[in-house]
Amino acid sequence: MLSFVDLATRPEFAVATVDCRDDHRGWSIERPRDDVRLVLVRHGGFRRRVRGVGTDLDHTVGYLGIPGEEEHFSHPAGGDRCTSISLKPVLWRTLAGDTPVLERSSLYVDGALDLAHRRLLAATRAADTGYAAAEGLVGLVATIVSQVVATTIPAVDRASAGDQALVAQARGVIGDGHPAAAGLIPLAALLGVSPYRLSRVFTRELGVSLTHYRNRVRVGRALDRLENGDTSLAVLAADLGFADQAHLCRTVRAHLGHTPTALRGLLA
């Protein structure tokens, strides 16, 4: 029996915990799907067979599933718990190229990939999944792409003299409050680059992540509003795009070392 718990869901991707309580040595068949799937085991293990090749999966080996594949699974060791990441094909292409050629579908989970997995899970607990979880996800997928995709990185993702201009464009879009600034992936689409390139270039050029920078801009706007006498933190949180008042308060305190209530006194 399988159970699913959604951790983060966006139009372009979804992250879920999958618990399996099956205990059988025979092969079950899963119908072909139309998404790209990354599955990383957190506890236990199972077997997967695709195109006649079987792989034993545990916390050191995960797998990449491609649209249209017929997969078979076996659970001879009992139950397991996994993280399942579903990517829409259009997002996968921005990260792996238009026609990626895979060397294999199994993934060796080294220390760096394990840490990236754990950081993604932590990011899904943040209120701002459009940035925090998206940045964690594209970084993790890029690590996997470098391991299993034989084709080169898309030309649009190679370092270029336009990196500073790209960062300036991203800052402008965020500063203008454009609707695409609500998440990393729509922002990258507006700018015509992959989410991984935008996240990587922004951090390299500015020294902070896109998530941190966007929150810094929103904290600045919160300061302006508090200085002008706004009293309703719930309204302020909604106007600035925070998940709720608690999210606003945590973010302001993380950036400034004070709660919005304390800042009102300091700015009076």
C-alpha atoms as a PDB file:
ATOM      1  CA  MET A   1       0.000   0.000   0.000  1.00  0.00           C
ATOM      2  CA  LEU A   2       1.292   3.456  -0.951  1.00  0.00           C
ATOM      3  CA  SER A   3       0.579   6.739   0.803  1.00  0.00           C
ATOM      4  CA  PHE A   4       1.555  10.194  -0.438  1.00  0.00           C
ATOM      5  CA  VAL A   5       2.106  13.437   1.472  1.00  0.00           C
ATOM      6  CA  ASP A   6       2.547  16.565  -0.639  1.00  0.00           C
ATOM      7  CA  LEU A   7       5.424  18.741   0.592  1.00  0.00           C
ATOM      8  CA  ALA A   8       5.491  21.425  -2.104  1.00  0.00           C
ATOM      9  CA  THR A   9       3.337  21.811  -5.205  1.00  0.00           C
ATOM     10  CA  ARG A  10       3.901  24.352  -7.955  1.00  0.00           C
ATOM     11  CA  PRO A  11       2.714  24.426 -11.574  1.00  0.00           C
ATOM     12  CA  GLU A  12       6.168  23.301 -12.734  1.00  0.00           C
ATOM     13  CA  PHE A  13       7.067  20.715 -10.079  1.00  0.00           C
ATOM     14  CA  ALA A  14       5.866  18.779  -7.066  1.00  0.00           C
ATOM     15  CA  VAL A  15       7.704  17.259  -4.111  1.00  0.00           C
ATOM     16  CA  ALA A  16       6.093  14.507  -2.052  1.00  0.00           C
ATOM     17  CA  THR A  17       6.900  11.899   0.561  1.00  0.00           C
ATOM     18  CA  VAL A  18       5.934   8.379  -0.483  1.00  0.00           C
ATOM     19  CA  ASP A  19       5.514   5.635   2.136  1.00  0.00           C
ATOM     20  CA  CYS A  20       5.291   2.060   0.897  1.00  0.00           C
ATOM     21  CA  ARG A  21       4.146  -0.742   3.182  1.00  0.00           C
ATOM     22  CA  ASP A  22       4.313  -3.468   0.538  1.00  0.00           C
ATOM     23  CA  ASP A  23       6.234  -6.666   1.187  1.00  0.00           C
ATOM     24  CA  HIS A  24       6.418  -8.784  -1.956  1.00  0.00           C
ATOM     25  CA  ARG A  25       9.173 -10.309  -4.062  1.00  0.00           C
ATOM     26  CA  GLY A  26       7.180 -10.309  -7.280  1.00  0.00           C
ATOM     27  CA  TRP A  27       7.108  -7.431  -9.762  1.00  0.00           C
ATOM     28  CA  SER A  28       4.250  -4.940  -9.906  1.00  0.00           C
ATOM     29  CA  ILE A  29       3.685  -2.775 -12.989  1.00  0.00           C
ATOM     30  CA  GLU A  30       3.265   0.987 -12.974  1.00  0.00           C
ATOM     31  CA  ARG A  31       1.671   2.614 -15.989  1.00  0.00           C
ATOM     32  CA  PRO A  32       3.860   4.954 -18.063  1.00  0.00           C
ATOM     33  CA  ARG A  33       3.700   8.563 -16.892  1.00  0.00           C
ATOM     34  CA  ASP A  34       4.167  11.880 -18.667  1.00  0.00           C
ATOM     35  CA  ASP A  35       6.402  13.579 -16.091  1.00  0.00           C
ATOM     36  CA  VAL A  36      10.086  13.321 -15.210  1.00  0.00           C
ATOM     37  CA  ARG A  37      10.562  11.752 -11.774  1.00  0.00           C
ATOM     38  CA  LEU A  38      13.468  11.849  -9.370  1.00  0.00           C
ATOM     39  CA  VAL A  39      13.131   9.372  -6.519  1.00  0.00           C
ATOM     40  CA  LEU A  40      15.506   9.392  -3.561  1.00  0.00           C
ATOM     41  CA  VAL A  41      15.189   6.820  -0.789  1.00  0.00           C
ATOM     42  CA  ARG A  42      15.131   8.060   2.792  1.00  0.00           C
ATOM     43  CA  HIS A  43      14.536   4.768   4.643  1.00  0.00           C
ATOM     44  CA  GLY A  44      14.447   1.127   3.574  1.00  0.00           C
ATOM     45  CA  GLY A  45      14.816   0.000  -0.012  1.00  0.00           C
ATOM     46  CA  PHE A  46      13.163  -1.616  -3.038  1.00  0.00           C
ATOM     47  CA  ARG A  47      13.875  -2.794  -6.585  1.00  0.00           C
ATOM     48  CA  ARG A  48      13.035  -1.153  -9.902  1.00  0.00           C
ATOM     49  CA  ARG A  49      13.154  -2.679 -13.381  1.00  0.00           C
ATOM     50  CA  VAL A  50      12.929  -0.705 -16.613  1.00  0.00           C
ATOM     51  CA  ARG A  51      13.835  -1.846 -20.147  1.00  0.00           C
ATOM     52  CA  GLY A  52      14.753  -5.224 -18.657  1.00  0.00           C
ATOM     53  CA  VAL A  53      17.372  -3.829 -16.271  1.00  0.00           C
ATOM     54  CA  GLY A  54      16.804  -4.184 -12.510  1.00  0.00           C
ATOM     55  CA  THR A  55      18.347  -1.914  -9.875  1.00  0.00           C
ATOM     56  CA  ASP A  56      18.433  -2.209  -6.088  1.00  0.00           C
ATOM     57  CA  LEU A  57      17.545   1.139  -4.550  1.00  0.00           C
ATOM     58  CA  ASP A  58      18.337   2.420  -1.060  1.00  0.00           C
ATOM     59  CA  HIS A  59      19.664   5.622   0.541  1.00  0.00           C
ATOM     60  CA  THR A  60      22.804   5.447  -1.634  1.00  0.00           C
ATOM     61  CA  VAL A  61      21.074   4.848  -5.001  1.00  0.00           C
ATOM     62  CA  GLY A  62      18.000   6.619  -6.405  1.00  0.00           C
ATOM     63  CA  TYR A  63      16.548   6.778  -9.881  1.00  0.00           C
ATOM     64  CA  LEU A  64      15.452   9.085 -12.678  1.00  0.00           C
ATOM     65  CA  GLY A  65      12.201   8.190 -14.449  1.00  0.00           C
ATOM     66  CA  ILE A  66      11.536   9.448 -17.981  1.00  0.00           C
ATOM     67  CA  PRO A  67       8.083   9.943 -19.587  1.00  0.00           C
ATOM     68  CA  GLY A  68       6.665   6.915 -21.382  1.00  0.00           C
ATOM     69  CA  GLU A  69       8.685   4.247 -19.565  1.00  0.00           C
ATOM     70  CA  GLU A  70       7.000   1.103 -18.294  1.00  0.00           C
ATOM     71  CA  GLU A  71       8.362   0.441 -14.822  1.00  0.00           C
ATOM     72  CA  HIS A  72       8.227  -2.638 -12.585  1.00  0.00           C
ATOM     73  CA  PHE A  73       8.777  -2.537  -8.808  1.00  0.00           C
ATOM     74  CA  SER A  74       9.489  -5.135  -6.170  1.00  0.00           C
ATOM     75  CA  HIS A  75       9.658  -4.765  -2.379  1.00  0.00           C
ATOM     76  CA  PRO A  76      11.371  -7.885  -1.033  1.00  0.00           C
ATOM     77  CA  ALA A  77      12.720  -6.078   2.039  1.00  0.00           C
ATOM     78  CA  GLY A  78       9.392  -4.650   3.234  1.00  0.00           C
ATOM     79  CA  GLY A  79       8.420  -0.994   3.487  1.00  0.00           C
ATOM     80  CA  ASP A  80      10.331   2.107   2.556  1.00  0.00           C
ATOM     81  CA  ARG A  81      10.044   5.885   2.521  1.00  0.00           C
ATOM     82  CA  CYS A  82      11.126   8.021  -0.434  1.00  0.00           C
ATOM     83  CA  THR A  83      11.096  11.560  -1.695  1.00  0.00           C
ATOM     84  CA  SER A  84       9.430  11.751  -5.098  1.00  0.00           C
ATOM     85  CA  ILE A  85      10.101  14.838  -7.222  1.00  0.00           C
ATOM     86  CA  SER A  86       7.911  15.340 -10.276  1.00  0.00           C
ATOM     87  CA  LEU A  87       9.056  17.757 -12.976  1.00  0.00           C
ATOM     88  CA  LYS A  88       7.009  18.978 -15.905  1.00  0.00           C
ATOM     89  CA  PRO A  89       8.904  18.172 -19.142  1.00  0.00           C
ATOM     90  CA  VAL A  90       9.307  21.876 -19.980  1.00  0.00           C
ATOM     91  CA  LEU A  91      11.162  22.478 -16.695  1.00  0.00           C
ATOM     92  CA  TRP A  92      13.271  19.348 -17.208  1.00  0.00           C
ATOM     93  CA  ARG A  93      14.348  20.611 -20.634  1.00  0.00           C
ATOM     94  CA  THR A  94      15.483  23.949 -19.227  1.00  0.00           C
ATOM     95  CA  LEU A  95      17.758  22.046 -16.837  1.00  0.00           C
ATOM     96  CA  ALA A  96      18.925  19.109 -18.971  1.00  0.00           C
ATOM     97  CA  GLY A  97      18.677  20.444 -22.533  1.00  0.00           C
ATOM     98  CA  ASP A  98      16.108  19.973 -25.277  1.00  0.00           C
ATOM     99  CA  THR A  99      17.168  16.413 -26.155  1.00  0.00           C
ATOM    100  CA  PRO A 100      19.133  15.046 -23.195  1.00  0.00           C
ATOM    101  CA  VAL A 101      20.894  11.715 -23.650  1.00  0.00           C
ATOM    102  CA  LEU A 102      21.075   9.687 -20.442  1.00  0.00           C
ATOM    103  CA  GLU A 103      24.018   7.490 -19.548  1.00  0.00           C
ATOM    104  CA  ARG A 104      21.826   5.608 -17.058  1.00  0.00           C
ATOM    105  CA  SER A 105      18.689   6.026 -14.992  1.00  0.00           C
ATOM    106  CA  SER A 106      20.149   5.080 -11.597  1.00  0.00           C
ATOM    107  CA  LEU A 107      21.679   7.823  -9.433  1.00  0.00           C
ATOM    108  CA  TYR A 108      24.576   7.436  -7.041  1.00  0.00           C
ATOM    109  CA  VAL A 109      23.675   9.473  -3.962  1.00  0.00           C
ATOM    110  CA  ASP A 110      26.988  10.838  -2.704  1.00  0.00           C
ATOM    111  CA  GLY A 111      27.368  13.165   0.259  1.00  0.00           C
ATOM    112  CA  ALA A 112      26.736  16.306  -1.782  1.00  0.00           C
ATOM    113  CA  LEU A 113      23.524  14.926  -3.294  1.00  0.00           C
ATOM    114  CA  ASP A 114      22.356  13.657   0.097  1.00  0.00           C
ATOM    115  CA  LEU A 115      22.855  17.138   1.557  1.00  0.00           C
ATOM    116  CA  ALA A 116      21.059  18.764  -1.400  1.00  0.00           C
ATOM    117  CA  HIS A 117      18.158  16.351  -0.824  1.00  0.00           C
ATOM    118  CA  ARG A 118      17.970  17.220   2.870  1.00  0.00           C
ATOM    119  CA  ARG A 119      18.141  20.939   2.132  1.00  0.00           C
ATOM    120  CA  LEU A 120      15.288  20.607  -0.353  1.00  0.00           C
ATOM    121  CA  LEU A 121      13.167  18.875   2.275  1.00  0.00           C
ATOM    122  CA  ALA A 122      13.949  21.687   4.715  1.00  0.00           C
ATOM    123  CA  ALA A 123      13.060  24.285   2.072  1.00  0.00           C
ATOM    124  CA  THR A 124       9.637  22.702   1.524  1.00  0.00           C
ATOM    125  CA  ARG A 125       8.833  23.615   5.123  1.00  0.00           C
ATOM    126  CA  ALA A 126       9.375  27.295   4.355  1.00  0.00           C
ATOM    127  CA  ALA A 127       6.329  29.401   3.612  1.00  0.00           C
ATOM    128  CA  ASP A 128       7.876  30.762   0.405  1.00  0.00           C
ATOM    129  CA  THR A 129       8.066  27.567  -1.669  1.00  0.00           C
ATOM    130  CA  GLY A 130       8.062  29.515  -4.947  1.00  0.00           C
ATOM    131  CA  TYR A 131      11.626  30.559  -4.175  1.00  0.00           C
ATOM    132  CA  ALA A 132      13.052  28.510  -1.307  1.00  0.00           C
ATOM    133  CA  ALA A 133      11.908  25.092  -2.541  1.00  0.00           C
ATOM    134  CA  ALA A 134      12.457  26.026  -6.204  1.00  0.00           C
ATOM    135  CA  GLU A 135      16.077  27.031  -5.583  1.00  0.00           C
ATOM    136  CA  GLY A 136      16.699  23.861  -3.608  1.00  0.00           C
ATOM    137  CA  LEU A 137      15.089  21.800  -6.332  1.00  0.00           C
ATOM    138  CA  VAL A 138      16.935  23.246  -9.327  1.00  0.00           C
ATOM    139  CA  GLY A 139      20.253  22.892  -7.497  1.00  0.00           C
ATOM    140  CA  LEU A 140      19.531  19.245  -6.728  1.00  0.00           C
ATOM    141  CA  VAL A 141      18.378  18.524 -10.290  1.00  0.00           C
ATOM    142  CA  ALA A 142      21.490  20.210 -11.702  1.00  0.00           C
ATOM    143  CA  THR A 143      23.641  17.891  -9.578  1.00  0.00           C
ATOM    144  CA  ILE A 144      21.775  14.894 -10.960  1.00  0.00           C
ATOM    145  CA  VAL A 145      21.987  16.184 -14.543  1.00  0.00           C
ATOM    146  CA  SER A 146      25.773  16.441 -14.243  1.00  0.00           C
ATOM    147  CA  GLN A 147      25.864  12.796 -13.152  1.00  0.00           C
ATOM    148  CA  VAL A 148      23.544  11.051 -15.621  1.00  0.00           C
ATOM    149  CA  VAL A 149      23.069  13.305 -18.661  1.00  0.00           C
ATOM    150  CA  ALA A 150      25.744  12.671 -21.267  1.00  0.00           C
ATOM    151  CA  THR A 151      24.939  15.716 -23.392  1.00  0.00           C
ATOM    152  CA  THR A 152      26.457  19.068 -22.574  1.00  0.00           C
ATOM    153  CA  ILE A 153      24.870  21.850 -20.568  1.00  0.00           C
ATOM    154  CA  PRO A 154      22.521  23.898 -22.771  1.00  0.00           C
ATOM    155  CA  ALA A 155      24.317  26.807 -24.422  1.00  0.00           C
ATOM    156  CA  VAL A 156      21.974  29.249 -22.709  1.00  0.00           C
ATOM    157  CA  ASP A 157      23.329  28.082 -19.330  1.00  0.00           C
ATOM    158  CA  ARG A 158      27.048  28.596 -20.047  1.00  0.00           C
ATOM    159  CA  ALA A 159      28.810  31.446 -18.312  1.00  0.00           C
ATOM    160  CA  SER A 160      28.815  34.619 -20.370  1.00  0.00           C
ATOM    161  CA  ALA A 161      29.574  38.315 -20.188  1.00  0.00           C
ATOM    162  CA  GLY A 162      25.859  38.906 -19.822  1.00  0.00           C
ATOM    163  CA  ASP A 163      25.715  37.558 -16.258  1.00  0.00           C
ATOM    164  CA  GLN A 164      25.788  41.009 -14.664  1.00  0.00           C
ATOM    165  CA  ALA A 165      23.069  42.212 -17.024  1.00  0.00           C
ATOM    166  CA  LEU A 166      20.963  39.155 -16.188  1.00  0.00           C
ATOM    167  CA  VAL A 167      21.265  39.854 -12.465  1.00  0.00           C
ATOM    168  CA  ALA A 168      20.356  43.497 -13.059  1.00  0.00           C
ATOM    169  CA  GLN A 169      17.272  42.404 -15.018  1.00  0.00           C
ATOM    170  CA  ALA A 170      16.224  40.029 -12.249  1.00  0.00           C
ATOM    171  CA  ARG A 171      16.674  42.735  -9.633  1.00  0.00           C
ATOM    172  CA  GLY A 172      14.606  45.091 -11.746  1.00  0.00           C
ATOM    173  CA  VAL A 173      11.748  42.627 -12.109  1.00  0.00           C
ATOM    174  CA  ILE A 174      11.747  41.936  -8.362  1.00  0.00           C
ATOM    175  CA  GLY A 175      11.992  45.620  -7.563  1.00  0.00           C
ATOM    176  CA  ASP A 176       9.081  46.459  -9.867  1.00  0.00           C
ATOM    177  CA  GLY A 177       6.867  43.871  -8.192  1.00  0.00           C
ATOM    178  CA  HIS A 178       6.169  42.111 -11.498  1.00  0.00           C
ATOM    179  CA  PRO A 179       3.875  39.057 -11.125  1.00  0.00           C
ATOM    180  CA  ALA A 180       6.695  36.819 -12.424  1.00  0.00           C
ATOM    181  CA  ALA A 181       8.742  37.776  -9.363  1.00  0.00           C
ATOM    182  CA  ALA A 182       6.430  35.587  -7.269  1.00  0.00           C
ATOM    183  CA  GLY A 183       8.673  32.558  -7.933  1.00  0.00           C
ATOM    184  CA  LEU A 184      12.073  31.536  -9.278  1.00  0.00           C
ATOM    185  CA  ILE A 185      10.693  29.538 -12.207  1.00  0.00           C
ATOM    186  CA  PRO A 186       8.306  32.184 -13.624  1.00  0.00           C
ATOM    187  CA  LEU A 187      11.047  34.799 -13.128  1.00  0.00           C
ATOM    188  CA  ALA A 188      13.519  32.701 -15.117  1.00  0.00           C
ATOM    189  CA  ALA A 189      10.922  32.129 -17.845  1.00  0.00           C
ATOM    190  CA  LEU A 190      10.327  35.877 -18.132  1.00  0.00           C
ATOM    191  CA  LEU A 191      14.061  36.478 -18.498  1.00  0.00           C
ATOM    192  CA  GLY A 192      14.489  33.649 -21.017  1.00  0.00           C
ATOM    193  CA  VAL A 193      16.990  31.557 -19.034  1.00  0.00           C
ATOM    194  CA  SER A 194      16.863  28.328 -17.061  1.00  0.00           C
ATOM    195  CA  PRO A 195      16.055  28.524 -13.332  1.00  0.00           C
ATOM    196  CA  TYR A 196      19.386  26.889 -12.518  1.00  0.00           C
ATOM    197  CA  ARG A 197      21.397  29.459 -14.436  1.00  0.00           C
ATOM    198  CA  LEU A 198      19.496  32.359 -12.899  1.00  0.00           C
ATOM    199  CA  SER A 199      19.893  30.997  -9.356  1.00  0.00           C
ATOM    200  CA  ARG A 200      23.592  30.204  -9.839  1.00  0.00           C
ATOM    201  CA  VAL A 201      24.515  33.475 -11.555  1.00  0.00           C
ATOM    202  CA  PHE A 202      22.596  35.592  -9.072  1.00  0.00           C
ATOM    203  CA  THR A 203      24.346  34.040  -6.076  1.00  0.00           C
ATOM    204  CA  ARG A 204      27.754  34.324  -7.741  1.00  0.00           C
ATOM    205  CA  GLU A 205      27.321  37.934  -8.800  1.00  0.00           C
ATOM    206  CA  LEU A 206      25.570  39.315  -5.722  1.00  0.00           C
ATOM    207  CA  GLY A 207      26.772  37.033  -2.951  1.00  0.00           C
ATOM    208  CA  VAL A 208      23.268  36.107  -1.739  1.00  0.00           C
ATOM    209  CA  SER A 209      20.597  33.785  -3.078  1.00  0.00           C
ATOM    210  CA  LEU A 210      17.569  34.974  -4.996  1.00  0.00           C
ATOM    211  CA  THR A 211      15.400  33.893  -2.080  1.00  0.00           C
ATOM    212  CA  HIS A 212      17.407  36.059   0.309  1.00  0.00           C
ATOM    213  CA  TYR A 213      17.432  39.026  -2.073  1.00  0.00           C
ATOM    214  CA  ARG A 214      13.714  38.943  -2.763  1.00  0.00           C
ATOM    215  CA  ASN A 215      13.022  38.792   0.974  1.00  0.00           C
ATOM    216  CA  ARG A 216      15.411  41.694   1.506  1.00  0.00           C
ATOM    217  CA  VAL A 217      13.373  43.779  -0.958  1.00  0.00           C
ATOM    218  CA  ARG A 218      10.150  42.869   0.811  1.00  0.00           C
ATOM    219  CA  VAL A 219      11.647  43.663   4.214  1.00  0.00           C
ATOM    220  CA  GLY A 220      12.615  47.098   2.900  1.00  0.00           C
ATOM    221  CA  ARG A 221       9.038  47.687   1.807  1.00  0.00           C
ATOM    222  CA  ALA A 222       7.798  46.535   5.201  1.00  0.00           C
ATOM    223  CA  LEU A 223      10.096  49.089   6.839  1.00  0.00           C
ATOM    224  CA  ASP A 224       8.660  51.814   4.630  1.00  0.00           C
ATOM    225  CA  ARG A 225       5.120  50.862   5.608  1.00  0.00           C
ATOM    226  CA  LEU A 226       5.923  50.608   9.321  1.00  0.00           C
ATOM    227  CA  GLU A 227       7.681  53.961   9.198  1.00  0.00           C
ATOM    228  CA  ASN A 228       4.575  55.471   7.599  1.00  0.00           C
ATOM    229  CA  GLY A 229       2.391  54.230  10.437  1.00  0.00           C
ATOM    230  CA  ASP A 230       0.872  50.951   9.216  1.00  0.00           C
ATOM    231  CA  THR A 231      -0.507  49.057  12.197  1.00  0.00           C
ATOM    232  CA  SER A 232      -2.059  45.883  10.766  1.00  0.00           C
ATOM    233  CA  LEU A 233       0.632  43.261  10.308  1.00  0.00           C
ATOM    234  CA  ALA A 234      -1.872  40.876   8.707  1.00  0.00           C
ATOM    235  CA  VAL A 235      -2.671  43.423   5.980  1.00  0.00           C
ATOM    236  CA  LEU A 236       1.009  44.236   5.558  1.00  0.00           C
ATOM    237  CA  ALA A 237       1.870  40.543   5.144  1.00  0.00           C
ATOM    238  CA  ALA A 238      -0.857  40.050   2.533  1.00  0.00           C
ATOM    239  CA  ASP A 239       0.113  43.186   0.585  1.00  0.00           C
ATOM    240  CA  LEU A 240       3.778  42.151   0.428  1.00  0.00           C
ATOM    241  CA  GLY A 241       3.078  38.557  -0.618  1.00  0.00           C
ATOM    242  CA  PHE A 242       3.998  36.736   2.605  1.00  0.00           C
ATOM    243  CA  ALA A 243       2.163  33.541   3.442  1.00  0.00           C
ATOM    244  CA  ASP A 244       0.808  35.014   6.666  1.00  0.00           C
ATOM    245  CA  GLN A 245       1.660  37.382   9.501  1.00  0.00           C
ATOM    246  CA  ALA A 246       3.963  34.832  11.164  1.00  0.00           C
ATOM    247  CA  HIS A 247       5.937  34.470   7.922  1.00  0.00           C
ATOM    248  CA  LEU A 248       6.341  38.254   7.751  1.00  0.00           C
ATOM    249  CA  CYS A 249       7.526  38.432  11.351  1.00  0.00           C
ATOM    250  CA  ARG A 250      10.063  35.601  10.939  1.00  0.00           C
ATOM    251  CA  THR A 251      11.489  37.085   7.767  1.00  0.00           C
ATOM    252  CA  VAL A 252      11.764  40.623   9.182  1.00  0.00           C
ATOM    253  CA  ARG A 253      13.450  39.349  12.327  1.00  0.00           C
ATOM    254  CA  ALA A 254      15.864  37.175  10.343  1.00  0.00           C
ATOM    255  CA  HIS A 255      16.964  40.186   8.262  1.00  0.00           C
ATOM    256  CA  LEU A 256      16.870  42.951  10.864  1.00  0.00           C
ATOM    257  CA  GLY A 257      17.122  41.286  14.249  1.00  0.00           C
ATOM    258  CA  HIS A 258      13.850  42.865  15.409  1.00  0.00           C
ATOM    259  CA  THR A 259      10.167  42.032  15.121  1.00  0.00           C
ATOM    260  CA  PRO A 260       7.866  44.396  13.188  1.00  0.00           C
ATOM    261  CA  THR A 261       6.311  45.481  16.492  1.00  0.00           C
ATOM    262  CA  ALA A 262       9.715  46.407  17.903  1.00  0.00           C
ATOM    263  CA  LEU A 263      10.611  48.197  14.687  1.00  0.00           C
ATOM    264  CA  ARG A 264       7.538  50.378  14.962  1.00  0.00           C
ATOM    265  CA  GLY A 265       8.921  51.674  18.243  1.00  0.00           C
ATOM    266  CA  LEU A 266      12.410  52.129  16.857  1.00  0.00           C
ATOM    267  CA  LEU A 267      11.108  54.051  13.847  1.00  0.00           C
ATOM    268  CA  ALA A 268       8.615  56.218  15.747  1.00  0.00           C
END
